[in-house]
Amino acid sequence: MRSALPLSLAVACIVLALPGHREVAVAAETNAAHPHEQGHPQHGSGSSALVSRLELNADGQRWPTDASLRTGMANIRAAFDADHPAIHAGRQTDAQYDALAATIEREVNSIVANCKLAPDADAQLHYVVGDLLQAVSLLRGSDASKTRHDGAHLVHGALKAYGKFFDDPTWTEASGSHDPHEQEHGQDH
């Protein structure tokens, strides 16, 4: 019997093997190999999020998007926003986290398969995709040093970064804007 890679891992391997994306692969390998050397995002000791490397284009403008990217990101945002109250209240069950992970994984796979961006925009998008795939893993409870809630925090960061660095006319600041860690750490919600 043949054993297949999980689809998100297969997609990550394909994405990271594309020319010009070695730095994303190195960051992902570093995150996996040295989880204790990273800052814990909610404690403010630094961020290992790939989206922290995003940049605007040479003209200081946000990167263009296409319909498949906008649809996929809107679906991820809708799923996250629907689960946010339970995540924030600490009532999100493992099954609900697993379902959210499955939705995000499905949408990321669709984005990777269908999105047709210019090479520079595509390179920037891989930081968002990398964080979303790492979040899927955390949402499934696969890293004993982090919580599923940490996965939700990573999704939140990817959603905020997408809106800041990608020109999506359907995206609003209010969309996906509530960080599951904000209120518990004394910040306004």
N, C-alpha and C. Protein backbone atom coordinates (compact mmCIF):
# COMPACT_ATOMS: atom_id res chain seq x y z
N MET A 1 0.84 -1.17 0.00
CA MET A 1 0.00 0.00 0.00
C MET A 1 0.89 1.23 0.00
N ARG A 2 0.54 2.18 -0.85
CA ARG A 2 1.29 3.43 -0.93
C ARG A 2 0.81 4.41 0.10
N SER A 3 1.73 5.09 0.75
CA SER A 3 1.33 6.12 1.70
C SER A 3 1.46 7.47 1.01
N ALA A 4 0.45 8.27 1.12
CA ALA A 4 0.44 9.58 0.47
C ALA A 4 0.74 10.67 1.48
N LEU A 5 1.41 11.72 1.01
CA LEU A 5 1.63 12.90 1.84
C LEU A 5 0.30 13.60 2.06
N PRO A 6 0.08 14.20 3.21
CA PRO A 6 -1.10 15.03 3.36
C PRO A 6 -1.06 16.12 2.29
N LEU A 7 -2.22 16.48 1.76
CA LEU A 7 -2.27 17.43 0.67
C LEU A 7 -1.59 18.75 1.00
N SER A 8 -1.77 19.27 2.23
CA SER A 8 -1.14 20.54 2.58
C SER A 8 0.38 20.43 2.56
N LEU A 9 0.92 19.29 2.98
CA LEU A 9 2.36 19.10 2.95
C LEU A 9 2.84 19.01 1.51
N ALA A 10 2.10 18.31 0.68
CA ALA A 10 2.46 18.21 -0.74
C ALA A 10 2.44 19.58 -1.39
N VAL A 11 1.41 20.37 -1.10
CA VAL A 11 1.33 21.73 -1.65
C VAL A 11 2.49 22.57 -1.16
N ALA A 12 2.80 22.47 0.14
CA ALA A 12 3.92 23.24 0.68
C ALA A 12 5.22 22.87 0.00
N CYS A 13 5.42 21.59 -0.24
CA CYS A 13 6.65 21.16 -0.93
C CYS A 13 6.71 21.73 -2.34
N ILE A 14 5.59 21.71 -3.04
CA ILE A 14 5.56 22.26 -4.39
C ILE A 14 5.82 23.76 -4.36
N VAL A 15 5.12 24.46 -3.48
CA VAL A 15 5.29 25.91 -3.38
C VAL A 15 6.72 26.27 -3.04
N LEU A 16 7.28 25.57 -2.07
CA LEU A 16 8.61 25.92 -1.61
C LEU A 16 9.70 25.48 -2.58
N ALA A 17 9.39 24.56 -3.47
CA ALA A 17 10.39 24.11 -4.44
C ALA A 17 10.44 25.00 -5.67
N LEU A 18 9.50 25.91 -5.79
CA LEU A 18 9.49 26.80 -6.95
C LEU A 18 10.73 27.69 -6.93
N PRO A 19 11.25 28.02 -8.12
CA PRO A 19 12.44 28.89 -8.16
C PRO A 19 12.19 30.20 -7.43
N GLY A 20 13.21 30.64 -6.71
CA GLY A 20 13.13 31.92 -6.02
C GLY A 20 12.46 31.88 -4.66
N HIS A 21 12.09 30.69 -4.19
CA HIS A 21 11.38 30.61 -2.92
C HIS A 21 12.16 29.86 -1.86
N ARG A 22 13.46 29.76 -2.03
CA ARG A 22 14.30 29.05 -1.07
C ARG A 22 14.24 29.70 0.31
N GLU A 23 14.13 31.04 0.37
CA GLU A 23 14.10 31.68 1.68
C GLU A 23 12.86 31.30 2.46
N VAL A 24 11.74 31.06 1.80
CA VAL A 24 10.54 30.59 2.49
C VAL A 24 10.77 29.17 2.99
N ALA A 25 11.41 28.34 2.16
CA ALA A 25 11.70 26.96 2.56
C ALA A 25 12.63 26.94 3.76
N VAL A 26 13.66 27.77 3.74
CA VAL A 26 14.60 27.83 4.86
C VAL A 26 13.88 28.27 6.13
N ALA A 27 13.03 29.28 6.02
CA ALA A 27 12.29 29.75 7.19
C ALA A 27 11.37 28.66 7.72
N ALA A 28 10.69 27.95 6.83
CA ALA A 28 9.80 26.88 7.25
C ALA A 28 10.59 25.76 7.92
N GLU A 29 11.76 25.40 7.34
CA GLU A 29 12.60 24.37 7.94
C GLU A 29 13.10 24.81 9.31
N THR A 30 13.48 26.07 9.43
CA THR A 30 13.97 26.60 10.70
C THR A 30 12.86 26.56 11.74
N ASN A 31 11.65 26.97 11.36
CA ASN A 31 10.52 26.94 12.29
C ASN A 31 10.26 25.52 12.77
N ALA A 32 10.35 24.54 11.87
CA ALA A 32 10.07 23.16 12.24
C ALA A 32 11.20 22.56 13.08
N ALA A 33 12.43 22.89 12.73
CA ALA A 33 13.57 22.27 13.40
C ALA A 33 13.90 22.90 14.75
N HIS A 34 13.57 24.18 14.94
CA HIS A 34 13.96 24.89 16.15
C HIS A 34 12.79 25.65 16.76
N PRO A 35 11.71 24.94 17.10
CA PRO A 35 10.54 25.65 17.60
C PRO A 35 10.78 26.40 18.89
N HIS A 36 11.71 25.98 19.73
CA HIS A 36 11.92 26.66 21.00
C HIS A 36 12.77 27.91 20.86
N GLU A 37 13.41 28.12 19.70
CA GLU A 37 14.22 29.31 19.50
C GLU A 37 13.39 30.48 19.00
N GLN A 38 12.13 30.23 18.72
CA GLN A 38 11.28 31.28 18.18
C GLN A 38 10.59 32.03 19.31
N GLY A 39 10.24 33.29 19.04
CA GLY A 39 9.46 34.05 20.00
C GLY A 39 8.04 33.54 20.01
N HIS A 40 7.42 33.61 21.13
CA HIS A 40 6.02 33.22 21.24
C HIS A 40 5.21 34.47 20.96
N PRO A 41 4.47 34.53 19.82
CA PRO A 41 3.87 35.77 19.36
C PRO A 41 3.04 36.50 20.40
N GLN A 42 2.25 35.79 21.20
CA GLN A 42 1.39 36.51 22.11
C GLN A 42 2.14 37.09 23.29
N HIS A 43 3.38 36.72 23.49
CA HIS A 43 4.15 37.28 24.58
C HIS A 43 5.05 38.41 24.14
N GLY A 44 4.99 38.77 22.86
CA GLY A 44 5.70 39.94 22.38
C GLY A 44 7.20 39.78 22.29
N SER A 45 7.73 38.57 22.29
CA SER A 45 9.17 38.39 22.27
C SER A 45 9.70 38.17 20.87
N GLY A 46 8.95 38.59 19.88
CA GLY A 46 9.39 38.44 18.50
C GLY A 46 8.41 37.58 17.75
N SER A 47 8.53 37.59 16.44
CA SER A 47 7.60 36.83 15.63
C SER A 47 8.36 35.99 14.64
N SER A 48 7.95 34.74 14.52
CA SER A 48 8.55 33.86 13.53
C SER A 48 7.66 33.79 12.30
N ALA A 49 6.62 34.60 12.25
CA ALA A 49 5.70 34.59 11.12
C ALA A 49 6.41 34.99 9.84
N LEU A 50 6.17 34.21 8.79
CA LEU A 50 6.75 34.52 7.49
C LEU A 50 6.22 35.84 6.95
N VAL A 51 4.98 36.20 7.29
CA VAL A 51 4.41 37.44 6.76
C VAL A 51 5.17 38.67 7.24
N SER A 52 6.00 38.51 8.26
CA SER A 52 6.80 39.65 8.71
C SER A 52 7.82 40.06 7.64
N ARG A 53 8.02 39.22 6.64
CA ARG A 53 8.95 39.51 5.55
C ARG A 53 8.29 40.16 4.34
N LEU A 54 6.98 40.30 4.38
CA LEU A 54 6.27 40.91 3.25
C LEU A 54 6.71 42.34 3.00
N GLU A 55 6.72 42.72 1.75
CA GLU A 55 7.06 44.08 1.35
C GLU A 55 6.07 44.55 0.28
N LEU A 56 5.86 45.85 0.22
CA LEU A 56 5.08 46.43 -0.88
C LEU A 56 5.93 46.37 -2.15
N ASN A 57 5.31 46.60 -3.30
CA ASN A 57 6.08 46.55 -4.54
C ASN A 57 7.03 47.74 -4.63
N ALA A 58 7.82 47.80 -5.70
CA ALA A 58 8.85 48.83 -5.86
C ALA A 58 8.28 50.24 -5.84
N ASP A 59 7.01 50.38 -6.21
CA ASP A 59 6.35 51.68 -6.21
C ASP A 59 5.65 51.98 -4.88
N GLY A 60 5.84 51.11 -3.90
CA GLY A 60 5.20 51.31 -2.60
C GLY A 60 3.72 50.98 -2.61
N GLN A 61 3.28 50.23 -3.60
CA GLN A 61 1.87 49.86 -3.74
C GLN A 61 1.66 48.40 -3.32
N ARG A 62 0.41 48.09 -3.02
CA ARG A 62 0.07 46.70 -2.70
C ARG A 62 0.11 45.86 -3.96
N TRP A 63 0.34 44.57 -3.79
CA TRP A 63 0.46 43.63 -4.89
C TRP A 63 -0.90 43.32 -5.50
N PRO A 64 -0.97 43.14 -6.82
CA PRO A 64 -2.25 42.80 -7.46
C PRO A 64 -2.71 41.39 -7.06
N THR A 65 -4.00 41.18 -7.17
CA THR A 65 -4.61 39.88 -6.87
C THR A 65 -5.40 39.41 -8.07
N ASP A 66 -5.81 38.17 -8.05
CA ASP A 66 -6.73 37.69 -9.09
C ASP A 66 -7.96 37.11 -8.39
N ALA A 67 -8.95 36.74 -9.19
CA ALA A 67 -10.23 36.29 -8.63
C ALA A 67 -10.08 35.06 -7.75
N SER A 68 -9.25 34.11 -8.16
CA SER A 68 -9.12 32.89 -7.34
C SER A 68 -8.47 33.19 -5.99
N LEU A 69 -7.50 34.09 -5.96
CA LEU A 69 -6.88 34.48 -4.70
C LEU A 69 -7.89 35.20 -3.81
N ARG A 70 -8.61 36.15 -4.38
CA ARG A 70 -9.60 36.90 -3.59
C ARG A 70 -10.67 35.97 -3.02
N THR A 71 -11.14 35.03 -3.82
CA THR A 71 -12.16 34.09 -3.36
C THR A 71 -11.63 33.21 -2.24
N GLY A 72 -10.45 32.65 -2.43
CA GLY A 72 -9.86 31.78 -1.41
C GLY A 72 -9.63 32.51 -0.10
N MET A 73 -9.07 33.71 -0.18
CA MET A 73 -8.81 34.47 1.04
C MET A 73 -10.12 34.89 1.71
N ALA A 74 -11.13 35.24 0.93
CA ALA A 74 -12.43 35.59 1.51
C ALA A 74 -13.03 34.39 2.23
N ASN A 75 -12.89 33.20 1.68
CA ASN A 75 -13.41 32.00 2.32
C ASN A 75 -12.66 31.68 3.61
N ILE A 76 -11.35 31.88 3.61
CA ILE A 76 -10.57 31.67 4.83
C ILE A 76 -11.00 32.67 5.89
N ARG A 77 -11.14 33.93 5.48
CA ARG A 77 -11.55 34.97 6.43
C ARG A 77 -12.94 34.67 7.00
N ALA A 78 -13.87 34.23 6.15
CA ALA A 78 -15.23 33.94 6.62
C ALA A 78 -15.22 32.80 7.64
N ALA A 79 -14.42 31.76 7.37
CA ALA A 79 -14.34 30.64 8.31
C ALA A 79 -13.72 31.09 9.63
N PHE A 80 -12.66 31.88 9.55
CA PHE A 80 -12.00 32.37 10.77
C PHE A 80 -12.95 33.28 11.55
N ASP A 81 -13.60 34.20 10.86
CA ASP A 81 -14.51 35.13 11.54
C ASP A 81 -15.67 34.39 12.20
N ALA A 82 -16.16 33.32 11.56
CA ALA A 82 -17.26 32.54 12.14
C ALA A 82 -16.82 31.84 13.43
N ASP A 83 -15.57 31.40 13.48
CA ASP A 83 -15.07 30.70 14.66
C ASP A 83 -14.48 31.63 15.72
N HIS A 84 -14.24 32.87 15.35
CA HIS A 84 -13.54 33.78 16.25
C HIS A 84 -14.18 33.90 17.63
N PRO A 85 -15.51 34.05 17.75
CA PRO A 85 -16.08 34.17 19.11
C PRO A 85 -15.75 32.98 20.00
N ALA A 86 -15.83 31.77 19.47
CA ALA A 86 -15.52 30.58 20.28
C ALA A 86 -14.03 30.50 20.59
N ILE A 87 -13.19 30.88 19.62
CA ILE A 87 -11.74 30.88 19.86
C ILE A 87 -11.42 31.87 20.97
N HIS A 88 -11.95 33.06 20.82
CA HIS A 88 -11.67 34.14 21.78
C HIS A 88 -12.14 33.78 23.19
N ALA A 89 -13.29 33.13 23.28
CA ALA A 89 -13.85 32.77 24.58
C ALA A 89 -13.23 31.50 25.16
N GLY A 90 -12.34 30.86 24.39
CA GLY A 90 -11.73 29.62 24.86
C GLY A 90 -12.67 28.43 24.79
N ARG A 91 -13.72 28.53 23.97
CA ARG A 91 -14.70 27.45 23.84
C ARG A 91 -14.56 26.66 22.55
N GLN A 92 -13.60 26.99 21.73
CA GLN A 92 -13.40 26.28 20.46
C GLN A 92 -12.94 24.85 20.80
N THR A 93 -13.66 23.86 20.31
CA THR A 93 -13.30 22.47 20.58
C THR A 93 -12.22 22.01 19.60
N ASP A 94 -11.60 20.89 19.92
CA ASP A 94 -10.61 20.33 19.00
C ASP A 94 -11.25 20.03 17.64
N ALA A 95 -12.46 19.51 17.66
CA ALA A 95 -13.16 19.20 16.41
C ALA A 95 -13.39 20.48 15.59
N GLN A 96 -13.72 21.58 16.26
CA GLN A 96 -13.92 22.85 15.56
C GLN A 96 -12.60 23.37 15.01
N TYR A 97 -11.53 23.25 15.77
CA TYR A 97 -10.21 23.64 15.26
C TYR A 97 -9.85 22.79 14.05
N ASP A 98 -10.13 21.50 14.12
CA ASP A 98 -9.83 20.60 12.99
C ASP A 98 -10.62 21.00 11.75
N ALA A 99 -11.88 21.35 11.95
CA ALA A 99 -12.72 21.77 10.81
C ALA A 99 -12.20 23.07 10.20
N LEU A 100 -11.79 24.02 11.05
CA LEU A 100 -11.22 25.27 10.55
C LEU A 100 -9.94 24.98 9.78
N ALA A 101 -9.11 24.09 10.30
CA ALA A 101 -7.87 23.72 9.61
C ALA A 101 -8.18 23.12 8.24
N ALA A 102 -9.18 22.26 8.17
CA ALA A 102 -9.54 21.63 6.89
C ALA A 102 -10.02 22.67 5.88
N THR A 103 -10.79 23.64 6.34
CA THR A 103 -11.26 24.70 5.44
C THR A 103 -10.09 25.52 4.92
N ILE A 104 -9.21 25.91 5.82
CA ILE A 104 -8.05 26.72 5.40
C ILE A 104 -7.18 25.92 4.44
N GLU A 105 -6.94 24.66 4.75
CA GLU A 105 -6.12 23.82 3.87
C GLU A 105 -6.75 23.71 2.48
N ARG A 106 -8.04 23.47 2.43
CA ARG A 106 -8.75 23.36 1.14
C ARG A 106 -8.62 24.65 0.34
N GLU A 107 -8.79 25.78 0.99
CA GLU A 107 -8.72 27.06 0.29
C GLU A 107 -7.29 27.38 -0.16
N VAL A 108 -6.31 27.08 0.68
CA VAL A 108 -4.91 27.29 0.28
C VAL A 108 -4.57 26.42 -0.93
N ASN A 109 -5.01 25.17 -0.90
CA ASN A 109 -4.76 24.28 -2.03
C ASN A 109 -5.37 24.84 -3.31
N SER A 110 -6.56 25.39 -3.21
CA SER A 110 -7.22 25.99 -4.36
C SER A 110 -6.48 27.23 -4.85
N ILE A 111 -6.04 28.06 -3.91
CA ILE A 111 -5.27 29.26 -4.27
C ILE A 111 -4.01 28.85 -5.02
N VAL A 112 -3.28 27.90 -4.49
CA VAL A 112 -2.03 27.47 -5.11
C VAL A 112 -2.29 26.89 -6.51
N ALA A 113 -3.37 26.13 -6.65
CA ALA A 113 -3.67 25.50 -7.94
C ALA A 113 -4.17 26.49 -8.98
N ASN A 114 -4.85 27.54 -8.56
CA ASN A 114 -5.56 28.39 -9.53
C ASN A 114 -5.07 29.83 -9.64
N CYS A 115 -4.32 30.30 -8.68
CA CYS A 115 -3.90 31.70 -8.66
C CYS A 115 -2.81 31.92 -9.71
N LYS A 116 -2.96 32.96 -10.50
CA LYS A 116 -2.00 33.29 -11.55
C LYS A 116 -1.54 34.74 -11.36
N LEU A 117 -0.53 34.91 -10.52
CA LEU A 117 0.02 36.24 -10.27
C LEU A 117 1.36 36.39 -10.99
N ALA A 118 1.76 37.63 -11.17
CA ALA A 118 3.09 37.91 -11.69
C ALA A 118 4.11 37.35 -10.71
N PRO A 119 5.31 36.99 -11.18
CA PRO A 119 6.30 36.35 -10.31
C PRO A 119 6.61 37.10 -9.01
N ASP A 120 6.75 38.42 -9.05
CA ASP A 120 7.07 39.16 -7.83
C ASP A 120 5.92 39.11 -6.83
N ALA A 121 4.69 39.26 -7.30
CA ALA A 121 3.52 39.18 -6.42
C ALA A 121 3.37 37.76 -5.87
N ASP A 122 3.59 36.78 -6.72
CA ASP A 122 3.51 35.39 -6.31
C ASP A 122 4.53 35.08 -5.22
N ALA A 123 5.73 35.61 -5.36
CA ALA A 123 6.77 35.39 -4.34
C ALA A 123 6.32 35.94 -2.99
N GLN A 124 5.68 37.10 -2.99
CA GLN A 124 5.19 37.68 -1.74
C GLN A 124 4.04 36.86 -1.16
N LEU A 125 3.19 36.36 -2.04
CA LEU A 125 2.05 35.55 -1.59
C LEU A 125 2.51 34.29 -0.86
N HIS A 126 3.66 33.77 -1.23
CA HIS A 126 4.13 32.55 -0.59
C HIS A 126 4.39 32.73 0.90
N TYR A 127 4.65 33.95 1.35
CA TYR A 127 4.79 34.18 2.79
C TYR A 127 3.44 33.98 3.49
N VAL A 128 2.38 34.46 2.87
CA VAL A 128 1.04 34.29 3.43
C VAL A 128 0.68 32.81 3.42
N VAL A 129 0.90 32.15 2.29
CA VAL A 129 0.60 30.72 2.16
C VAL A 129 1.39 29.91 3.19
N GLY A 130 2.65 30.24 3.36
CA GLY A 130 3.48 29.52 4.33
C GLY A 130 2.93 29.62 5.74
N ASP A 131 2.51 30.82 6.14
CA ASP A 131 1.94 30.99 7.48
C ASP A 131 0.60 30.27 7.61
N LEU A 132 -0.20 30.31 6.56
CA LEU A 132 -1.49 29.62 6.63
C LEU A 132 -1.29 28.11 6.76
N LEU A 133 -0.32 27.56 6.05
CA LEU A 133 -0.06 26.12 6.16
C LEU A 133 0.51 25.76 7.53
N GLN A 134 1.35 26.62 8.08
CA GLN A 134 1.85 26.39 9.44
C GLN A 134 0.68 26.47 10.43
N ALA A 135 -0.23 27.41 10.20
CA ALA A 135 -1.41 27.53 11.07
C ALA A 135 -2.27 26.28 11.01
N VAL A 136 -2.44 25.70 9.82
CA VAL A 136 -3.21 24.46 9.68
C VAL A 136 -2.61 23.39 10.58
N SER A 137 -1.32 23.26 10.56
CA SER A 137 -0.65 22.28 11.40
C SER A 137 -0.90 22.54 12.89
N LEU A 138 -0.78 23.79 13.30
CA LEU A 138 -1.01 24.14 14.70
C LEU A 138 -2.47 23.96 15.10
N LEU A 139 -3.38 24.34 14.20
CA LEU A 139 -4.81 24.18 14.50
C LEU A 139 -5.16 22.71 14.72
N ARG A 140 -4.40 21.83 14.11
CA ARG A 140 -4.62 20.39 14.28
C ARG A 140 -3.91 19.83 15.51
N GLY A 141 -3.20 20.68 16.23
CA GLY A 141 -2.55 20.25 17.45
C GLY A 141 -1.28 19.44 17.23
N SER A 142 -0.61 19.68 16.13
CA SER A 142 0.55 18.84 15.77
C SER A 142 1.86 19.25 16.43
N ASP A 143 1.89 20.36 17.13
CA ASP A 143 3.12 20.83 17.77
C ASP A 143 2.88 20.94 19.27
N ALA A 144 3.49 20.06 20.02
CA ALA A 144 3.27 20.02 21.47
C ALA A 144 3.76 21.29 22.19
N SER A 145 4.65 22.05 21.54
CA SER A 145 5.17 23.26 22.18
C SER A 145 4.27 24.47 21.94
N LYS A 146 3.24 24.31 21.13
CA LYS A 146 2.32 25.41 20.84
C LYS A 146 0.89 24.91 20.97
N THR A 147 -0.02 25.85 21.06
CA THR A 147 -1.43 25.48 21.21
C THR A 147 -2.17 25.67 19.89
N ARG A 148 -3.34 25.11 19.83
CA ARG A 148 -4.21 25.33 18.67
C ARG A 148 -4.55 26.81 18.57
N HIS A 149 -4.67 27.45 19.71
CA HIS A 149 -4.93 28.89 19.75
C HIS A 149 -3.81 29.67 19.06
N ASP A 150 -2.57 29.18 19.20
CA ASP A 150 -1.44 29.81 18.49
C ASP A 150 -1.65 29.73 16.98
N GLY A 151 -2.25 28.64 16.52
CA GLY A 151 -2.57 28.51 15.10
C GLY A 151 -3.57 29.57 14.67
N ALA A 152 -4.56 29.82 15.51
CA ALA A 152 -5.54 30.87 15.21
C ALA A 152 -4.86 32.23 15.13
N HIS A 153 -3.91 32.45 16.02
CA HIS A 153 -3.16 33.71 16.01
C HIS A 153 -2.38 33.86 14.70
N LEU A 154 -1.82 32.78 14.21
CA LEU A 154 -1.08 32.82 12.95
C LEU A 154 -2.01 33.08 11.77
N VAL A 155 -3.19 32.50 11.79
CA VAL A 155 -4.20 32.79 10.74
C VAL A 155 -4.53 34.27 10.77
N HIS A 156 -4.77 34.79 11.96
CA HIS A 156 -5.11 36.21 12.10
C HIS A 156 -4.01 37.09 11.49
N GLY A 157 -2.76 36.78 11.80
CA GLY A 157 -1.65 37.57 11.25
C GLY A 157 -1.58 37.49 9.74
N ALA A 158 -1.82 36.31 9.19
CA ALA A 158 -1.80 36.15 7.73
C ALA A 158 -2.94 36.94 7.08
N LEU A 159 -4.11 36.94 7.70
CA LEU A 159 -5.24 37.70 7.16
C LEU A 159 -4.96 39.21 7.18
N LYS A 160 -4.43 39.68 8.30
CA LYS A 160 -4.10 41.11 8.39
C LYS A 160 -3.04 41.49 7.37
N ALA A 161 -2.01 40.65 7.23
CA ALA A 161 -0.93 40.94 6.28
C ALA A 161 -1.44 40.93 4.84
N TYR A 162 -2.32 39.99 4.53
CA TYR A 162 -2.89 39.94 3.19
C TYR A 162 -3.56 41.27 2.85
N GLY A 163 -4.39 41.77 3.75
CA GLY A 163 -5.07 43.04 3.52
C GLY A 163 -4.13 44.22 3.40
N LYS A 164 -3.03 44.17 4.10
CA LYS A 164 -2.07 45.28 4.09
C LYS A 164 -1.19 45.26 2.83
N PHE A 165 -0.88 44.08 2.33
CA PHE A 165 0.10 43.98 1.24
C PHE A 165 -0.47 43.57 -0.11
N PHE A 166 -1.75 43.18 -0.16
CA PHE A 166 -2.36 42.76 -1.42
C PHE A 166 -3.58 43.61 -1.72
N ASP A 167 -3.69 44.03 -2.96
CA ASP A 167 -4.75 44.91 -3.41
C ASP A 167 -6.00 44.10 -3.73
N ASP A 168 -6.82 43.93 -2.74
CA ASP A 168 -8.07 43.19 -2.88
C ASP A 168 -9.19 44.16 -2.56
N PRO A 169 -9.91 44.62 -3.60
CA PRO A 169 -10.95 45.63 -3.37
C PRO A 169 -12.10 45.14 -2.50
N THR A 170 -12.23 43.83 -2.30
CA THR A 170 -13.31 43.32 -1.46
C THR A 170 -12.90 43.22 0.01
N TRP A 171 -11.64 43.45 0.31
CA TRP A 171 -11.11 43.30 1.66
C TRP A 171 -11.29 44.60 2.43
N THR A 172 -11.76 44.52 3.66
CA THR A 172 -11.88 45.71 4.49
C THR A 172 -11.07 45.51 5.76
N GLU A 173 -10.69 46.60 6.39
CA GLU A 173 -9.90 46.51 7.62
C GLU A 173 -10.65 45.73 8.70
N ALA A 174 -11.97 45.84 8.72
CA ALA A 174 -12.75 45.14 9.74
C ALA A 174 -12.72 43.64 9.54
N SER A 175 -12.44 43.19 8.32
CA SER A 175 -12.44 41.77 8.02
C SER A 175 -11.27 41.08 8.71
N GLY A 176 -11.56 40.09 9.51
CA GLY A 176 -10.52 39.31 10.16
C GLY A 176 -9.63 40.14 11.07
N SER A 177 -10.18 41.23 11.62
CA SER A 177 -9.34 42.16 12.35
C SER A 177 -9.21 41.86 13.84
N HIS A 178 -9.94 40.90 14.34
CA HIS A 178 -9.90 40.64 15.78
C HIS A 178 -8.91 39.54 16.10
N ASP A 179 -7.86 39.89 16.80
CA ASP A 179 -6.81 38.95 17.18
C ASP A 179 -7.25 38.18 18.41
N PRO A 180 -7.21 36.84 18.36
CA PRO A 180 -7.62 36.07 19.52
C PRO A 180 -6.78 36.34 20.76
N HIS A 181 -5.61 36.95 20.63
CA HIS A 181 -4.75 37.21 21.79
C HIS A 181 -4.90 38.63 22.35
N GLU A 182 -5.54 39.53 21.63
CA GLU A 182 -5.52 40.94 22.02
C GLU A 182 -6.09 41.19 23.40
N GLN A 183 -7.33 40.76 23.66
CA GLN A 183 -7.95 41.09 24.94
C GLN A 183 -7.25 40.40 26.10
N GLU A 184 -6.81 39.17 25.90
CA GLU A 184 -6.16 38.48 27.02
C GLU A 184 -4.82 39.09 27.38
N HIS A 185 -4.29 39.97 26.54
CA HIS A 185 -3.02 40.61 26.83
C HIS A 185 -3.16 42.10 27.03
N GLY A 186 -4.38 42.53 27.39
CA GLY A 186 -4.59 43.90 27.80
C GLY A 186 -4.75 44.91 26.68
N GLN A 187 -4.90 44.46 25.45
CA GLN A 187 -5.08 45.39 24.36
C GLN A 187 -6.57 45.51 24.07
N ASP A 188 -6.94 46.65 23.51
CA ASP A 188 -8.34 46.84 23.16
C ASP A 188 -8.72 45.84 22.08
N HIS A 189 -9.95 45.45 22.13
CA HIS A 189 -10.44 44.48 21.16
C HIS A 189 -11.31 45.12 20.15
